[in-house]
């Protein structure tokens, strides 16, 4: 188990899902040569009542991702966005991805 410190600002942004250690690729997923870790992602959601800018919001420990430079610059009330490990793998596994806000790939 790894230890990490999480500081989220503004407080209305919460991590709502962490896909860690996903299942093995199956069916057509095996055509891409993806590893299970390629399907990992982190989802954040704006639980506030007003739009929240993502400038300056980042993950700096465990994974590296800065929303300032991502494809999603703000979240409206109730909206969510994901940072993914491998965009091609993610869009291959989750056919409804076009309706999602994908901020980008993390390191």
N, C-alpha and C. Protein backbone atom coordinates (compact mmCIF):
# COMPACT_ATOMS: atom_id res chain seq x y z
N UNK A 1 0.84 -1.16 0.00
CA UNK A 1 0.00 0.00 0.00
C UNK A 1 0.90 1.23 0.00
N UNK A 2 0.54 2.19 -0.82
CA UNK A 2 1.29 3.44 -0.89
C UNK A 2 0.57 4.52 -0.08
N UNK A 3 1.35 5.42 0.45
CA UNK A 3 0.79 6.53 1.20
C UNK A 3 0.77 7.74 0.29
N UNK A 4 -0.31 8.51 0.34
CA UNK A 4 -0.42 9.71 -0.48
C UNK A 4 -1.16 10.78 0.31
N UNK A 5 -0.85 12.02 0.02
CA UNK A 5 -1.53 13.16 0.62
C UNK A 5 -2.33 13.82 -0.48
N UNK A 6 -3.62 14.02 -0.25
CA UNK A 6 -4.49 14.63 -1.24
C UNK A 6 -4.95 15.99 -0.73
N UNK A 7 -4.75 17.00 -1.54
CA UNK A 7 -5.24 18.34 -1.23
C UNK A 7 -6.08 18.77 -2.43
N UNK A 8 -7.35 18.96 -2.20
CA UNK A 8 -8.25 19.31 -3.30
C UNK A 8 -8.79 20.70 -3.04
N UNK A 9 -8.60 21.57 -3.98
CA UNK A 9 -9.15 22.90 -3.89
C UNK A 9 -9.71 23.25 -5.25
N UNK A 10 -10.81 23.78 -5.37
CA UNK A 10 -11.78 24.14 -4.34
C UNK A 10 -12.47 22.91 -3.74
N UNK A 11 -13.06 23.09 -2.56
CA UNK A 11 -13.61 21.94 -1.82
C UNK A 11 -14.78 21.25 -2.51
N UNK A 12 -15.43 21.87 -3.47
CA UNK A 12 -16.56 21.22 -4.14
C UNK A 12 -16.12 20.18 -5.18
N UNK A 13 -14.82 20.09 -5.45
CA UNK A 13 -14.31 19.05 -6.33
C UNK A 13 -13.97 17.82 -5.50
N UNK A 14 -14.55 16.69 -5.86
CA UNK A 14 -14.28 15.46 -5.12
C UNK A 14 -13.90 14.35 -6.10
N UNK A 15 -13.04 13.46 -5.64
CA UNK A 15 -12.72 12.26 -6.41
C UNK A 15 -13.86 11.29 -6.15
N UNK A 16 -14.56 10.89 -7.22
CA UNK A 16 -15.73 10.05 -7.06
C UNK A 16 -15.50 8.61 -7.51
N UNK A 17 -14.46 8.38 -8.28
CA UNK A 17 -14.15 7.00 -8.68
C UNK A 17 -12.68 6.88 -9.00
N UNK A 18 -12.10 5.77 -8.57
CA UNK A 18 -10.73 5.42 -8.92
C UNK A 18 -10.79 4.00 -9.49
N UNK A 19 -10.50 3.87 -10.77
CA UNK A 19 -10.44 2.54 -11.38
C UNK A 19 -8.99 2.09 -11.30
N UNK A 20 -8.73 1.24 -10.32
CA UNK A 20 -7.38 0.73 -10.08
C UNK A 20 -7.42 -0.79 -10.21
N UNK A 21 -6.47 -1.34 -10.92
CA UNK A 21 -6.35 -2.76 -11.15
C UNK A 21 -7.60 -3.32 -11.84
N UNK A 22 -7.92 -2.80 -13.04
CA UNK A 22 -9.09 -3.28 -13.78
C UNK A 22 -8.93 -4.74 -14.22
N UNK A 23 -10.02 -5.32 -14.67
CA UNK A 23 -10.00 -6.70 -15.15
C UNK A 23 -9.15 -6.82 -16.42
N UNK A 24 -8.76 -8.03 -16.74
CA UNK A 24 -7.97 -8.31 -17.94
C UNK A 24 -8.79 -7.97 -19.19
N UNK A 25 -8.12 -7.53 -20.26
CA UNK A 25 -8.84 -7.30 -21.52
C UNK A 25 -9.52 -8.60 -21.99
N UNK A 26 -10.69 -8.46 -22.58
CA UNK A 26 -11.45 -9.62 -23.07
C UNK A 26 -12.09 -9.27 -24.41
N UNK A 27 -12.38 -10.27 -25.20
CA UNK A 27 -13.06 -10.06 -26.47
C UNK A 27 -12.27 -9.14 -27.39
N UNK A 28 -12.96 -8.15 -27.98
CA UNK A 28 -12.30 -7.24 -28.92
C UNK A 28 -11.25 -6.37 -28.25
N UNK A 29 -11.31 -6.26 -26.92
CA UNK A 29 -10.29 -5.48 -26.20
C UNK A 29 -8.89 -6.07 -26.37
N UNK A 30 -8.81 -7.36 -26.63
CA UNK A 30 -7.50 -8.00 -26.78
C UNK A 30 -6.82 -7.62 -28.08
N UNK A 31 -7.57 -7.04 -29.02
CA UNK A 31 -6.99 -6.65 -30.32
C UNK A 31 -6.01 -5.50 -30.20
N UNK A 32 -6.09 -4.71 -29.16
CA UNK A 32 -5.22 -3.54 -29.01
C UNK A 32 -3.92 -3.82 -28.30
N UNK A 33 -3.76 -5.01 -27.75
CA UNK A 33 -2.55 -5.34 -27.01
C UNK A 33 -2.43 -4.58 -25.69
N UNK A 34 -3.58 -4.19 -25.12
CA UNK A 34 -3.56 -3.39 -23.89
C UNK A 34 -3.33 -4.26 -22.66
N UNK A 35 -2.70 -3.67 -21.67
CA UNK A 35 -2.53 -4.28 -20.36
C UNK A 35 -3.70 -3.84 -19.47
N UNK A 36 -4.00 -4.59 -18.41
CA UNK A 36 -5.07 -4.15 -17.52
C UNK A 36 -4.87 -2.72 -17.00
N UNK A 37 -3.63 -2.34 -16.70
CA UNK A 37 -3.36 -0.99 -16.17
C UNK A 37 -3.70 0.11 -17.18
N UNK A 38 -3.75 -0.21 -18.46
CA UNK A 38 -4.10 0.80 -19.47
C UNK A 38 -5.52 1.31 -19.28
N UNK A 39 -6.36 0.55 -18.60
CA UNK A 39 -7.77 0.93 -18.41
C UNK A 39 -8.01 1.71 -17.11
N UNK A 40 -6.97 2.04 -16.39
CA UNK A 40 -7.13 2.79 -15.14
C UNK A 40 -7.56 4.23 -15.42
N UNK A 41 -8.35 4.79 -14.50
CA UNK A 41 -8.77 6.19 -14.60
C UNK A 41 -9.15 6.72 -13.23
N UNK A 42 -9.23 8.05 -13.15
CA UNK A 42 -9.70 8.74 -11.95
C UNK A 42 -10.78 9.72 -12.38
N UNK A 43 -11.88 9.72 -11.65
CA UNK A 43 -13.01 10.60 -11.96
C UNK A 43 -13.15 11.65 -10.87
N UNK A 44 -13.33 12.90 -11.27
CA UNK A 44 -13.65 13.97 -10.32
C UNK A 44 -15.01 14.56 -10.66
N UNK A 45 -15.69 15.08 -9.66
CA UNK A 45 -17.03 15.66 -9.85
C UNK A 45 -17.14 16.97 -9.10
N UNK A 46 -17.87 17.91 -9.69
CA UNK A 46 -18.19 19.17 -9.03
C UNK A 46 -19.48 18.96 -8.24
N UNK A 47 -19.38 18.94 -6.94
CA UNK A 47 -20.56 18.75 -6.10
C UNK A 47 -21.20 20.08 -5.69
N UNK A 48 -20.62 21.18 -6.16
CA UNK A 48 -21.13 22.50 -5.81
C UNK A 48 -22.31 22.93 -6.67
N UNK A 49 -22.82 24.12 -6.37
CA UNK A 49 -23.98 24.66 -7.07
C UNK A 49 -23.60 25.64 -8.18
N UNK A 50 -22.31 25.91 -8.34
CA UNK A 50 -21.85 26.85 -9.37
C UNK A 50 -20.72 26.20 -10.18
N UNK A 51 -20.47 26.70 -11.39
CA UNK A 51 -19.34 26.17 -12.17
C UNK A 51 -18.02 26.34 -11.42
N UNK A 52 -17.14 25.36 -11.59
CA UNK A 52 -15.84 25.38 -10.91
C UNK A 52 -14.73 25.30 -11.94
N UNK A 53 -13.86 26.31 -11.99
CA UNK A 53 -12.72 26.24 -12.91
C UNK A 53 -11.71 25.20 -12.43
N UNK A 54 -11.03 24.57 -13.38
CA UNK A 54 -10.04 23.55 -13.06
C UNK A 54 -8.61 24.06 -13.17
N UNK A 55 -8.45 25.35 -13.45
CA UNK A 55 -7.12 25.94 -13.53
C UNK A 55 -6.44 25.81 -12.17
N UNK A 56 -5.25 25.23 -12.16
CA UNK A 56 -4.50 25.04 -10.92
C UNK A 56 -4.80 23.75 -10.19
N UNK A 57 -5.79 22.99 -10.64
CA UNK A 57 -6.12 21.71 -10.01
C UNK A 57 -5.24 20.64 -10.64
N UNK A 58 -4.61 19.84 -9.77
CA UNK A 58 -3.73 18.80 -10.30
C UNK A 58 -3.57 17.67 -9.32
N UNK A 59 -3.19 16.53 -9.87
CA UNK A 59 -2.74 15.39 -9.08
C UNK A 59 -1.23 15.43 -9.16
N UNK A 60 -0.56 15.41 -8.03
CA UNK A 60 0.90 15.56 -8.02
C UNK A 60 1.61 14.40 -7.33
N UNK A 61 0.87 13.47 -6.77
CA UNK A 61 1.49 12.36 -6.07
C UNK A 61 0.72 11.10 -6.45
N UNK A 62 1.41 10.07 -6.82
CA UNK A 62 0.77 8.85 -7.29
C UNK A 62 0.67 8.86 -8.80
N UNK A 63 -0.04 9.84 -9.34
CA UNK A 63 -0.06 10.11 -10.77
C UNK A 63 0.26 11.58 -10.96
N UNK A 64 0.61 11.94 -12.17
CA UNK A 64 0.88 13.34 -12.50
C UNK A 64 -0.13 13.78 -13.55
N UNK A 65 -0.99 14.73 -13.19
CA UNK A 65 -1.92 15.31 -14.16
C UNK A 65 -2.31 16.70 -13.70
N UNK A 66 -2.19 17.66 -14.60
CA UNK A 66 -2.55 19.04 -14.31
C UNK A 66 -3.74 19.43 -15.18
N UNK A 67 -4.89 19.65 -14.56
CA UNK A 67 -6.10 20.00 -15.31
C UNK A 67 -5.97 21.34 -16.02
N UNK A 68 -5.03 22.17 -15.59
CA UNK A 68 -4.81 23.47 -16.24
C UNK A 68 -4.55 23.28 -17.73
N UNK A 69 -3.83 22.22 -18.08
CA UNK A 69 -3.45 21.98 -19.47
C UNK A 69 -4.29 20.89 -20.12
N UNK A 70 -5.31 20.41 -19.42
CA UNK A 70 -6.16 19.34 -19.94
C UNK A 70 -7.24 19.86 -20.88
N UNK A 71 -8.01 18.94 -21.40
CA UNK A 71 -9.06 19.26 -22.37
C UNK A 71 -10.34 19.79 -21.73
N UNK A 72 -10.44 19.75 -20.41
CA UNK A 72 -11.62 20.23 -19.69
C UNK A 72 -11.16 21.35 -18.76
N UNK A 73 -11.67 22.56 -18.97
CA UNK A 73 -11.18 23.69 -18.17
C UNK A 73 -12.10 24.07 -17.01
N UNK A 74 -13.31 23.54 -16.99
CA UNK A 74 -14.21 23.79 -15.85
C UNK A 74 -15.28 22.71 -15.82
N UNK A 75 -15.93 22.60 -14.66
CA UNK A 75 -17.03 21.66 -14.50
C UNK A 75 -18.24 22.41 -13.96
N UNK A 76 -19.38 22.21 -14.59
CA UNK A 76 -20.62 22.78 -14.09
C UNK A 76 -21.12 21.99 -12.90
N UNK A 77 -22.16 22.48 -12.24
CA UNK A 77 -22.72 21.76 -11.09
C UNK A 77 -23.10 20.33 -11.47
N UNK A 78 -22.61 19.36 -10.71
CA UNK A 78 -22.93 17.97 -10.96
C UNK A 78 -22.14 17.30 -12.07
N UNK A 79 -21.33 18.05 -12.81
CA UNK A 79 -20.56 17.46 -13.90
C UNK A 79 -19.32 16.75 -13.39
N UNK A 80 -18.84 15.82 -14.20
CA UNK A 80 -17.63 15.11 -13.84
C UNK A 80 -16.69 15.05 -15.04
N UNK A 81 -15.43 14.74 -14.75
CA UNK A 81 -14.42 14.55 -15.78
C UNK A 81 -13.51 13.42 -15.34
N UNK A 82 -12.88 12.77 -16.32
CA UNK A 82 -11.95 11.70 -16.01
C UNK A 82 -10.57 12.02 -16.57
N UNK A 83 -9.57 11.59 -15.83
CA UNK A 83 -8.18 11.56 -16.31
C UNK A 83 -7.87 10.08 -16.46
N UNK A 84 -7.36 9.70 -17.63
CA UNK A 84 -7.19 8.29 -17.96
C UNK A 84 -5.72 7.93 -18.13
N UNK A 85 -5.40 6.67 -17.93
CA UNK A 85 -4.04 6.21 -18.13
C UNK A 85 -3.71 6.08 -19.61
N UNK A 86 -4.64 5.54 -20.40
CA UNK A 86 -4.42 5.32 -21.83
C UNK A 86 -5.73 5.62 -22.55
N UNK A 87 -5.76 6.71 -23.30
CA UNK A 87 -6.99 7.16 -23.95
C UNK A 87 -7.52 6.13 -24.94
N UNK A 88 -6.66 5.52 -25.75
CA UNK A 88 -7.11 4.53 -26.73
C UNK A 88 -7.75 3.33 -26.03
N UNK A 89 -7.14 2.85 -24.97
CA UNK A 89 -7.69 1.72 -24.22
C UNK A 89 -9.03 2.11 -23.58
N UNK A 90 -9.09 3.28 -22.98
CA UNK A 90 -10.31 3.75 -22.32
C UNK A 90 -11.47 3.82 -23.31
N UNK A 91 -11.25 4.43 -24.47
CA UNK A 91 -12.33 4.57 -25.45
C UNK A 91 -12.69 3.23 -26.07
N UNK A 92 -11.77 2.28 -26.07
CA UNK A 92 -12.05 0.94 -26.56
C UNK A 92 -12.95 0.17 -25.60
N UNK A 93 -12.72 0.31 -24.31
CA UNK A 93 -13.50 -0.44 -23.32
C UNK A 93 -14.85 0.20 -23.01
N UNK A 94 -14.93 1.51 -23.04
CA UNK A 94 -16.15 2.22 -22.63
C UNK A 94 -16.80 2.87 -23.85
N UNK A 95 -17.75 2.16 -24.50
CA UNK A 95 -18.33 2.67 -25.74
C UNK A 95 -19.11 3.99 -25.58
N UNK A 96 -19.54 4.34 -24.38
CA UNK A 96 -20.25 5.59 -24.16
C UNK A 96 -19.34 6.77 -23.90
N UNK A 97 -18.06 6.63 -24.18
CA UNK A 97 -17.06 7.65 -23.84
C UNK A 97 -17.33 8.99 -24.52
N UNK A 98 -17.96 9.01 -25.68
CA UNK A 98 -18.13 10.29 -26.39
C UNK A 98 -18.99 11.27 -25.61
N UNK A 99 -19.80 10.79 -24.68
CA UNK A 99 -20.59 11.67 -23.84
C UNK A 99 -19.90 12.07 -22.55
N UNK A 100 -18.65 11.63 -22.38
CA UNK A 100 -17.89 11.92 -21.15
C UNK A 100 -16.93 13.08 -21.37
N UNK A 101 -16.61 13.74 -20.28
CA UNK A 101 -15.58 14.78 -20.32
C UNK A 101 -14.25 14.11 -19.96
N UNK A 102 -13.41 13.90 -20.97
CA UNK A 102 -12.12 13.29 -20.75
C UNK A 102 -11.08 14.40 -20.74
N UNK A 103 -10.50 14.63 -19.57
CA UNK A 103 -9.54 15.73 -19.41
C UNK A 103 -8.22 15.43 -20.09
N UNK A 104 -7.83 14.17 -20.17
CA UNK A 104 -6.59 13.80 -20.83
C UNK A 104 -5.95 12.59 -20.18
N UNK A 105 -4.73 12.28 -20.61
CA UNK A 105 -3.98 11.15 -20.09
C UNK A 105 -3.03 11.61 -19.00
N UNK A 106 -2.97 10.85 -17.94
CA UNK A 106 -2.02 11.18 -16.87
C UNK A 106 -0.72 10.41 -17.06
N UNK A 107 0.30 10.86 -16.33
CA UNK A 107 1.60 10.18 -16.36
C UNK A 107 1.74 9.29 -15.16
